[in-house]
Amino acid sequence: MKALQYTAVGEEPQVVEVPTPEPGPGEVRVRVTAAGACHSDSFVMGLDAEQYKLFGYPLPMTLGHEGAGVVDKLGAGAAGFDVGDAVAIYGPQGCGQCYQCAQGKENYCPKAAALGIVPPGLGRDGTMAEYVTVPSPRHLVPLEGLDPVANVALTDAGLTPYHAIKGSLPKLVPGSSAVVIGAGGLGHVAIQLLRALSPATVIALDIAQPKLDLAKDVGAHHAFLSDDSAADAVRAVVGAGGATAVFDFVAFQPTIDLAQAVTGPEGDVVLVGVGGGQARVGVLAAPYDSTIRAPYWGSRSELFEVLDLARAGTIHVETETFSLDDAPEAYRRLHDGTLRGRAVIVP
């Protein structure tokens, strides 16, 4: 079968021929109908040799942690789905036995690292291939009529902002405000979620005018360039009290500093991006009683909720599609910031 693999540190991913995987006991093989490209993949491919070794990722590695497809073959003992069922794949997989996993919070499984359990495309072969094996049927969620190409990105680009925003919803009351830094693949979904789930005034910030246009198209009340004037522009909207919550989908040092500069007392600074910046903590470092969170992905039950929002027409993902052969170009466009929304690979 064909697969898009990262084969050497510092090199572009390549489309290669690899053996079609066979599902082991308890596993499920899925014929992939759609796979999403994500900045997390770019982060992995941007690591130098020493950093890559520290993360422990194998080479070669098939990319892709967003996946949807059709159940193709069941390993011995696998149950709960039938061949032909259309499914989305839940990515942040855990042990399935601990307290966190019992709640569906496999994204916070404390045993996963020690057991060598890693997400697809982020430590083991992922979804950018014609077929992928899934360790357990519990990591599959029925699509129930949803178009896999239009909705595959919800497994991360929808689930991650949904999980991040849910933690701040008690504060997003009438009269509140929410700032979204980075209006790209995750950010444009976050804007829709904030509009659907809260009465907050939503302000989008980005360095690219096309992404600000997208932000306005999907519901942002205000959209400003993320430059030296951004903090003043936000303050002019939210007033002296500052923003109630800021969701940073970039998390480079300048964006984290901007987030803390516009957050008000008791506000939330939510760091979602993997830019590697650090927030200041302390009585004099941030507004009084403000909270800094760094959530990761989302729970299995939250993926059900996100897909339900999509079925209701509440949220959608702007997508550009690429064939598997053209997948390297999708990552070039992602790196250059010229995608409108999310890139989806259709094998």
Protein backbone atom coordinates (compact mmCIF):
# COMPACT_ATOMS: atom_id res chain seq x y z
CA MET A 1 0.00 0.00 0.00
CA LYS A 2 0.99 3.66 -0.28
CA ALA A 3 1.89 5.67 2.81
CA LEU A 4 3.29 9.13 3.53
CA GLN A 5 6.35 8.61 5.72
CA TYR A 6 8.85 10.80 7.47
CA THR A 7 12.03 8.94 6.59
CA ALA A 8 14.94 11.13 7.65
CA VAL A 9 15.36 14.05 10.07
CA GLY A 10 15.26 17.35 8.22
CA GLU A 11 13.91 15.86 4.98
CA GLU A 12 10.46 16.29 3.46
CA PRO A 13 8.03 13.36 3.91
CA GLN A 14 7.85 10.88 1.06
CA VAL A 15 5.14 8.73 -0.47
CA VAL A 16 6.42 5.16 -0.31
CA GLU A 17 5.18 1.60 -0.76
CA VAL A 18 4.91 -0.38 2.49
CA PRO A 19 3.26 -3.68 3.44
CA THR A 20 -0.44 -3.55 4.25
CA PRO A 21 -0.70 -4.05 8.03
CA GLU A 22 -2.50 -7.05 9.52
CA PRO A 23 -4.55 -6.48 12.69
CA GLY A 24 -3.30 -8.39 15.71
CA PRO A 25 -5.45 -9.72 18.56
CA GLY A 26 -7.99 -7.12 19.65
CA GLU A 27 -6.98 -4.72 16.86
CA VAL A 28 -9.00 -3.29 13.99
CA ARG A 29 -7.78 -2.49 10.50
CA VAL A 30 -9.36 0.61 8.97
CA ARG A 31 -9.33 1.46 5.28
CA VAL A 32 -8.55 5.17 5.42
CA THR A 33 -10.96 7.47 3.59
CA ALA A 34 -9.54 10.74 4.95
CA ALA A 35 -6.55 11.90 6.99
CA GLY A 36 -5.77 15.38 8.29
CA ALA A 37 -2.48 17.28 8.20
CA CYS A 38 -1.66 19.16 11.39
CA HIS A 39 0.92 21.62 12.74
CA SER A 40 1.88 18.92 15.26
CA ASP A 41 3.27 16.95 12.33
CA SER A 42 5.24 20.00 11.23
CA PHE A 43 6.53 20.33 14.81
CA VAL A 44 7.80 16.74 14.68
CA MET A 45 9.46 17.28 11.31
CA GLY A 46 11.02 20.52 12.58
CA LEU A 47 12.95 18.81 15.37
CA ASP A 48 16.69 18.47 14.97
CA ALA A 49 18.34 15.06 15.29
CA GLU A 50 19.01 15.37 19.04
CA GLN A 51 15.47 16.56 19.81
CA TYR A 52 13.95 13.86 17.63
CA LYS A 53 15.90 11.23 19.53
CA LEU A 54 14.66 12.63 22.86
CA PHE A 55 11.04 12.29 21.72
CA GLY A 56 11.72 8.68 20.76
CA TYR A 57 9.90 8.76 17.44
CA PRO A 58 10.86 5.97 15.03
CA LEU A 59 12.19 6.42 11.51
CA PRO A 60 10.60 5.85 9.12
CA MET A 61 7.16 6.78 10.52
CA THR A 62 3.87 7.09 8.66
CA LEU A 63 2.41 10.50 9.48
CA GLY A 64 -1.17 11.40 10.42
CA HIS A 65 -3.01 11.46 13.73
CA GLU A 66 -6.37 12.58 12.34
CA GLY A 67 -8.11 9.70 10.62
CA ALA A 68 -11.46 8.44 9.37
CA GLY A 69 -12.32 5.40 7.35
CA VAL A 70 -14.18 2.13 7.05
CA VAL A 71 -13.63 -0.93 9.24
CA ASP A 72 -11.85 -3.38 6.93
CA LYS A 73 -10.76 -6.30 9.12
CA LEU A 74 -11.13 -7.35 12.76
CA GLY A 75 -8.33 -9.01 14.68
CA ALA A 76 -9.04 -11.97 16.93
CA GLY A 77 -11.29 -10.94 19.81
CA ALA A 78 -12.09 -7.47 18.45
CA ALA A 79 -15.80 -6.71 18.78
CA GLY A 80 -18.25 -3.83 18.71
CA PHE A 81 -17.93 -2.91 15.03
CA ASP A 82 -18.63 -4.72 11.79
CA VAL A 83 -16.66 -4.71 8.57
CA GLY A 84 -17.95 -1.79 6.51
CA ASP A 85 -18.75 0.52 9.44
CA ALA A 86 -17.71 4.15 8.87
CA VAL A 87 -15.66 5.45 11.80
CA ALA A 88 -13.51 8.26 13.10
CA ILE A 89 -10.31 7.37 14.97
CA TYR A 90 -9.71 8.73 18.48
CA GLY A 91 -6.04 9.67 18.62
CA PRO A 92 -4.77 10.20 22.20
CA GLN A 93 -4.93 6.56 23.23
CA GLY A 94 -4.29 5.31 26.77
CA CYS A 95 -4.08 2.06 28.70
CA GLY A 96 -7.86 1.72 29.08
CA GLN A 97 -7.58 0.57 32.68
CA CYS A 98 -6.60 3.54 34.87
CA TYR A 99 -8.89 6.07 36.55
CA GLN A 100 -8.44 8.66 33.80
CA CYS A 101 -9.13 6.15 31.02
CA ALA A 102 -12.22 4.90 32.88
CA GLN A 103 -13.60 8.41 32.45
CA GLY A 104 -12.74 8.43 28.75
CA LYS A 105 -9.84 10.82 29.41
CA GLU A 106 -7.26 8.72 27.61
CA ASN A 107 -5.54 11.98 26.65
CA TYR A 108 -4.45 12.18 30.30
CA CYS A 109 -3.55 8.51 30.83
CA PRO A 110 -0.65 8.48 33.35
CA LYS A 111 0.51 5.01 32.25
CA ALA A 112 0.66 5.53 28.49
CA ALA A 113 4.26 6.71 28.26
CA ALA A 114 5.64 3.94 30.45
CA LEU A 115 3.69 1.34 28.45
CA GLY A 116 4.88 2.74 25.14
CA ILE A 117 1.36 3.74 24.09
CA VAL A 118 1.53 6.62 21.62
CA PRO A 119 -0.90 8.26 19.18
CA PRO A 120 -0.92 7.26 15.51
CA GLY A 121 1.52 9.36 13.54
CA LEU A 122 3.19 10.58 16.71
CA GLY A 123 5.29 7.60 17.67
CA ARG A 124 3.82 4.80 15.55
CA ASP A 125 2.52 4.51 12.01
CA GLY A 126 -0.40 6.86 11.43
CA THR A 127 -3.34 7.50 9.16
CA MET A 128 -1.71 8.91 6.01
CA ALA A 129 -1.85 5.57 4.29
CA GLU A 130 -4.36 3.39 2.55
CA TYR A 131 -4.81 1.33 5.72
CA VAL A 132 -4.08 1.79 9.43
CA THR A 133 -4.43 -0.54 12.42
CA VAL A 134 -6.15 0.70 15.58
CA PRO A 135 -5.18 -0.98 18.88
CA SER A 136 -8.73 -1.33 20.19
CA PRO A 137 -12.32 -0.87 18.99
CA ARG A 138 -12.83 1.62 21.83
CA HIS A 139 -10.70 4.08 19.85
CA LEU A 140 -13.29 4.16 17.08
CA VAL A 141 -16.30 6.48 17.05
CA PRO A 142 -19.16 5.94 14.58
CA LEU A 143 -19.40 8.63 11.89
CA GLU A 144 -23.15 8.01 11.55
CA GLY A 145 -23.61 9.73 8.22
CA LEU A 146 -20.92 12.40 8.48
CA ASP A 147 -18.75 12.95 5.41
CA PRO A 148 -15.28 11.66 6.42
CA VAL A 149 -13.42 14.19 4.26
CA ALA A 150 -15.33 17.19 5.62
CA ASN A 151 -15.13 16.03 9.23
CA VAL A 152 -11.92 14.04 9.77
CA ALA A 153 -10.14 17.13 11.13
CA LEU A 154 -12.66 17.30 13.97
CA THR A 155 -10.75 14.42 15.62
CA ASP A 156 -8.08 16.99 16.53
CA ALA A 157 -8.87 20.42 15.07
CA GLY A 158 -12.34 20.15 16.59
CA LEU A 159 -11.68 18.05 19.68
CA THR A 160 -8.67 20.05 20.89
CA PRO A 161 -10.32 23.52 20.91
CA TYR A 162 -13.55 22.02 22.26
CA HIS A 163 -11.70 20.54 25.25
CA ALA A 164 -9.79 23.80 25.76
CA ILE A 165 -12.91 25.96 25.64
CA LYS A 166 -15.03 23.72 27.91
CA GLY A 167 -12.67 24.46 30.78
CA SER A 168 -13.42 28.19 30.51
CA LEU A 169 -17.15 28.07 29.80
CA PRO A 170 -18.16 28.89 33.43
CA LYS A 171 -16.41 32.25 33.01
CA LEU A 172 -17.79 33.02 29.55
CA VAL A 173 -21.02 34.58 30.75
CA PRO A 174 -22.97 37.46 29.16
CA GLY A 175 -20.67 40.47 28.86
CA SER A 176 -17.52 38.34 28.74
CA SER A 177 -14.92 38.27 25.98
CA ALA A 178 -12.76 35.58 24.40
CA VAL A 179 -9.64 36.15 22.32
CA VAL A 180 -8.46 33.54 19.80
CA ILE A 181 -4.80 33.89 18.78
CA GLY A 182 -4.21 32.06 15.51
CA ALA A 183 -7.21 31.72 13.22
CA GLY A 184 -5.93 28.74 11.24
CA GLY A 185 -6.88 25.06 11.38
CA LEU A 186 -7.82 24.90 15.08
CA GLY A 187 -8.51 28.57 15.64
CA HIS A 188 -11.28 28.91 13.06
CA VAL A 189 -13.09 25.97 14.68
CA ALA A 190 -12.57 27.52 18.13
CA ILE A 191 -14.31 30.69 16.95
CA GLN A 192 -17.34 28.66 15.88
CA LEU A 193 -17.38 26.77 19.17
CA LEU A 194 -17.20 29.97 21.20
CA ARG A 195 -20.09 31.45 19.24
CA ALA A 196 -22.15 28.27 19.64
CA LEU A 197 -21.42 27.57 23.31
CA SER A 198 -21.15 31.03 24.88
CA PRO A 199 -22.44 34.61 24.64
CA ALA A 200 -18.89 35.99 24.73
CA THR A 201 -17.62 38.63 22.35
CA VAL A 202 -15.08 36.80 20.18
CA ILE A 203 -11.91 38.55 19.00
CA ALA A 204 -9.54 36.87 16.53
CA LEU A 205 -5.85 37.70 16.09
CA ASP A 206 -3.56 36.48 13.31
CA ILE A 207 -0.56 37.66 11.33
CA ALA A 208 -2.22 36.90 7.97
CA GLN A 209 -5.12 38.90 6.57
CA PRO A 210 -6.68 35.89 4.76
CA LYS A 211 -6.98 34.10 8.10
CA LEU A 212 -8.58 37.16 9.65
CA ASP A 213 -11.05 37.14 6.76
CA LEU A 214 -11.77 33.48 7.54
CA ALA A 215 -12.23 34.35 11.21
CA LYS A 216 -14.88 36.91 10.32
CA ASP A 217 -16.53 34.46 7.91
CA VAL A 218 -16.97 31.86 10.67
CA GLY A 219 -18.29 34.28 13.28
CA ALA A 220 -15.63 36.39 14.99
CA HIS A 221 -17.04 39.73 16.14
CA HIS A 222 -13.67 41.42 15.66
CA ALA A 223 -10.46 40.44 13.84
CA PHE A 224 -7.14 42.25 14.20
CA LEU A 225 -3.62 41.74 12.93
CA SER A 226 -1.39 40.22 15.59
CA ASP A 227 1.24 42.97 15.54
CA ASP A 228 2.53 45.63 17.92
CA SER A 229 -0.90 47.28 17.97
CA ALA A 230 -2.83 44.10 18.78
CA ALA A 231 -2.96 44.56 22.56
CA ASP A 232 -4.32 48.10 22.20
CA ALA A 233 -6.89 46.91 19.65
CA VAL A 234 -8.11 44.19 22.01
CA ARG A 235 -8.20 46.56 24.99
CA ALA A 236 -10.25 49.01 22.96
CA VAL A 237 -12.91 46.30 22.59
CA VAL A 238 -12.83 44.63 26.01
CA GLY A 239 -12.15 47.71 28.12
CA ALA A 240 -9.92 48.20 31.13
CA GLY A 241 -11.06 44.95 32.73
CA GLY A 242 -9.26 42.90 30.11
CA ALA A 243 -10.32 39.74 28.29
CA THR A 244 -12.09 36.96 30.15
CA ALA A 245 -10.24 34.18 28.33
CA VAL A 246 -7.48 34.01 25.73
CA PHE A 247 -6.95 30.85 23.69
CA ASP A 248 -3.47 30.78 22.16
CA PHE A 249 -3.29 28.31 19.27
CA VAL A 250 0.30 29.35 18.48
CA ALA A 251 2.10 29.57 21.86
CA PHE A 252 5.28 31.20 20.61
CA GLN A 253 6.76 33.57 23.19
CA PRO A 254 5.34 36.73 21.55
CA THR A 255 1.80 35.31 21.46
CA ILE A 256 1.98 34.13 25.07
CA ASP A 257 3.20 37.57 26.13
CA LEU A 258 0.33 39.12 24.16
CA ALA A 259 -2.17 36.76 25.79
CA GLN A 260 -1.02 37.71 29.27
CA ALA A 261 -1.00 41.40 28.36
CA VAL A 262 -4.70 41.45 27.44
CA THR A 263 -6.10 39.03 30.06
CA GLY A 264 -8.01 40.54 32.96
CA PRO A 265 -8.13 39.58 36.65
CA GLU A 266 -9.55 36.06 37.16
CA GLY A 267 -9.13 35.50 33.43
CA ASP A 268 -7.91 32.37 31.67
CA VAL A 269 -4.81 32.08 29.51
CA VAL A 270 -5.16 28.78 27.65
CA LEU A 271 -2.04 27.60 25.80
CA VAL A 272 -3.06 25.16 23.08
CA GLY A 273 -0.30 25.56 20.47
CA VAL A 274 3.04 23.79 20.55
CA GLY A 275 5.19 26.84 19.85
CA GLY A 276 7.38 26.19 22.88
CA GLY A 277 6.99 29.55 24.64
CA GLN A 278 6.63 29.91 28.41
CA ALA A 279 4.14 31.89 30.47
CA ARG A 280 5.13 34.03 33.43
CA VAL A 281 3.68 32.98 36.78
CA GLY A 282 3.55 35.00 39.99
CA VAL A 283 1.65 37.75 41.75
CA LEU A 284 3.42 40.46 39.76
CA ALA A 285 3.74 38.49 36.52
CA ALA A 286 0.09 38.25 35.48
CA PRO A 287 -3.31 39.73 36.40
CA TYR A 288 -4.47 38.78 39.88
CA ASP A 289 -6.07 35.34 40.20
CA SER A 290 -5.64 34.63 36.52
CA THR A 291 -5.29 31.01 35.46
CA ILE A 292 -2.84 29.49 33.00
CA ARG A 293 -3.83 26.15 31.47
CA ALA A 294 -2.14 23.92 28.91
CA PRO A 295 -4.77 21.36 27.88
CA TYR A 296 -3.99 18.41 25.63
CA TRP A 297 -6.31 17.08 22.92
CA GLY A 298 -9.61 15.86 24.45
CA SER A 299 -11.52 12.91 25.88
CA ARG A 300 -13.33 10.15 24.01
CA SER A 301 -16.72 11.39 25.17
CA GLU A 302 -15.86 14.89 23.98
CA LEU A 303 -15.19 13.52 20.48
CA PHE A 304 -18.75 12.17 20.47
CA GLU A 305 -19.95 15.65 21.48
CA VAL A 306 -17.92 17.37 18.75
CA LEU A 307 -19.28 15.05 16.08
CA ASP A 308 -22.80 15.71 17.37
CA LEU A 309 -22.18 19.44 16.93
CA ALA A 310 -21.12 18.76 13.34
CA ARG A 311 -24.26 16.71 12.66
CA ALA A 312 -26.33 19.60 13.96
CA GLY A 313 -24.58 21.94 11.54
CA THR A 314 -23.16 24.01 14.39
CA ILE A 315 -19.53 23.70 13.36
CA HIS A 316 -17.64 22.86 10.19
CA VAL A 317 -14.03 22.70 9.09
CA GLU A 318 -12.78 24.65 6.11
CA THR A 319 -10.79 22.08 4.15
CA GLU A 320 -8.54 21.79 1.14
CA THR A 321 -8.14 18.26 -0.19
CA PHE A 322 -5.04 16.53 -1.56
CA SER A 323 -4.38 13.07 -2.92
CA LEU A 324 -1.92 10.85 -1.07
CA ASP A 325 0.58 11.46 -3.87
CA ASP A 326 0.23 15.22 -3.32
CA ALA A 327 0.45 14.99 0.49
CA PRO A 328 3.98 16.49 0.63
CA GLU A 329 2.57 19.63 -1.01
CA ALA A 330 -0.09 19.82 1.70
CA TYR A 331 2.69 20.03 4.30
CA ARG A 332 4.53 22.68 2.29
CA ARG A 333 1.34 24.75 2.22
CA LEU A 334 0.83 24.14 5.94
CA HIS A 335 4.39 25.27 6.69
CA ASP A 336 3.97 28.38 4.53
CA GLY A 337 0.64 29.28 6.15
CA THR A 338 -1.26 29.43 2.84
CA LEU A 339 -4.01 26.92 3.66
CA ARG A 340 -7.56 28.08 4.28
CA GLY A 341 -8.42 25.97 7.29
CA ARG A 342 -7.22 22.38 7.22
CA ALA A 343 -5.52 20.11 4.68
CA VAL A 344 -7.16 16.71 4.22
CA ILE A 345 -5.47 13.82 2.45
CA VAL A 346 -7.78 11.48 0.54
CA PRO A 347 -5.99 8.16 -0.24
